[in-house]
């Protein structure tokens, strides 16, 4: 198909499916090859190029005063035919070339639109690249053609297979399909896709291939049966197919025979819109298929242009002139006169040329789903815009040598390549067209879905877009109206192993893909808060794993609290003891002039009550969260208050002995050594020694995690164990000394002899603290504090009750015995 112009563009299209080469006998001139099997889609693509060129020629703003012409060839789906057509385009073998004396002139074509298949495109663009003739393809997708070193003048308006694989991986990732089978064609198209899936699937989508099978080109029933058996046995519910229509047809025959349903098919661009597969027999199996398709576009006015297609009644039967006639014959199943021999006799129709093309059911006029045609349209406009920019160049400001510009008379193809690399325009449909450094157009694919309608009809609907954005990177957009060919009407689940929940880690199954694994719970103190985590991570020092092992939570804290029952009981006992001491002190102050109070050194009684009050208050420092000041004060208060108590009792015991024993031992003159001043001095000296011992032990708060991994035990740690032990030992020595002296004075004459009470008091005191030592050593945390508080309270109550209980009974209940006579009665007798 040819039309002359100021600038010629070439085109390579698949208008026939098959070609027949003449027999080469080398004894006579060979005949021209013949092609058969008319392809409506390929013819419409060629017509779209003619429409785009006519539209450019009518546009006064684009290439003014320049008319584009075209030379379109049919490649007959054969590499040899397409290659020969390309050479004819760039060399002008079928044209009369007139050059000037310097052998300069415009080339036969300035650029080529095509070819349809990647195999032909690779071969042709390799040759065109040697002469830097730009080739803008509309359908080849092989990623290898993005190599600018090998294909310096190759451009395309369709994304490469590498981008198609990325689109499929994003769909898998979107629906959580990590376990899928892959079927490929046994050619470069399928093998390149398989390599891309192997390298990108695990990295980008976190998925694995359950199986990889190559579909044979021939109809090998045994091989197809084996492949379908593999699909049936696999647990993968998603099947990705990178193959061609003929291979899918052969595969589906076996799928139907074995009734293999329940699969979600993911189709590559080679068959995602194939109408031959959208039949009532196959839709029960292929319904709901998701496919990657060339971005759909709209070309205003194309349908009206196609309606103007009419045969040439006065044709010379040459191949170039009767292309439209062949279309007409194929569409209406007729033959133009002169008809082949026997055509009419066998009932064949004769074409009149007046048939109504709108009544034909070939889909030729259906422009609702323009995909490859839209790419042809963009390819023509890319060449036109590049040529327009080149001709707008101002002399002296050009991009070439010495800032020169290209002219229509001296134009060379490589100059157009320069402008093609910089072309950037927007189509009437709103799509931006430009090429990157590899000659690839802006990456965009439509995501389509095969809809199986209730009446049995099929429809291919757009459900999303996958595109590359300069600002947002790769973007997948999917709608919510996808048809799922399952009872649940929801996406299927296709995983080898379910995602490990947070709190577990992945353990790979030996000899199986990475997507097949077991989930092992994290150990205590470690967590994993992500699905499919390969390892568990330890929590910080003050944190512990939650019961679900999915996050670190602050460790529970443990100390003797005022809010817990044990703390409440001990606090109540402490305050009760303090209150009783206060009451007893008040009673003694009120009755301070009575004989019972004055009999045994009233000052020592008051000092003893005050020290007991301090002993009862000490436990309050052991309750609550330990802090530096409470830790330091608690042991000082405990040590000094108990030494003060025992010192008072010791002084009281020594005074009793002095009264009854000293006259016999050393005479009355020696009583002055046991007076009030000596008693005060004794108490002060003994207490000072304890204070000095406590200075060496400087307690401090500590967070202890040794007792429990999930708890922080707050406790006071004694700075010096030796110092603390000496302090306790010192109290014990004073208590034992007091006990011995009191035991010696137990039988002294007096109605109210305190020596017996002191003996019993010290016996209780020593018993409590002897029991305290092993109990305290075997207790941890708050229970160690509770044991110490209990020992303090028990010994304090023992001192209070035994020392002051009888006296309070006499003062309050038996006042008749609170007389000097009653107290000294035994002595008087």
Foldseek 3Di string as FASTA:
>chain_A
DWDDWLAEEEEEFAQAQAKAFFDPPVPDDTDDIDGHHGDLVRVLLVLLLVVLQVVQQVDCVFPHPTHYIYDYDHQSNDLVSLQVRLCCQQQVPVHDDDADPVRFWDTSHLAYEDDAEQVSVLVSLQVCQVQLRAYEYLHYAAPVLLPCVRRVRYFYAAHHVLVLLVQVLVVCQVVVFQEEAEEEEPDSQRVSSVVSCVVPNCPPRVHDYPYYYHQYPDLDPVRLLVVVVSVQPDLFQEYEYHYADSSVVSNQVNCLVVVDANHAYEYEQRPPPPPVQQALSNCLHHALHKYWHFDFFADPPSLVSLQPQWADLPDPPDPVRGSSVVVVCVQVVADEPVDPPCQVVVPGHYDPRPDRPVVTPPCSSVRVGDGSSVRSSVSSVLLSQLVRVQCVQDACCAPDPNNGGDDSTRDGSNSSSVSSQVDWDADPRGDIWHAHPSNYTFHKIFIWGWHQDPVRGIDIGTFWMWGADPVPGTDTDGHDPRQDSDPVRDDDHGFQDDWAAWQWEWDDDPPDDPRHTDTHGDDWQWTDQDTHHHDTHGDPQQWIADPSRNDTDGFAEDAAACPDPLNVVLLVLLVVQLVVLVVLLVLCVVVVVFCLCPVQPVVLVNQLSVLLSLLSVLLVLRHDFDAQVSLQVSLLSNLLSLLLNLLSLLLSLVLLCCVQPVCVPPRPVVSVCSDPVNSVVSSVVSSVVLVVLSVVWRKGWDFDCPVDVRYTFIDIDTRDPVSSVVSVVSSVVSLVVSLVSLVVSVPGDWLDDCSVLSNQLSVQLNVLVVVLVVQLVPDDGNSNSSSVSVSSSRSSVSCCCSRCVVVCCCVPPVVVCRHPCNGCVRVVD
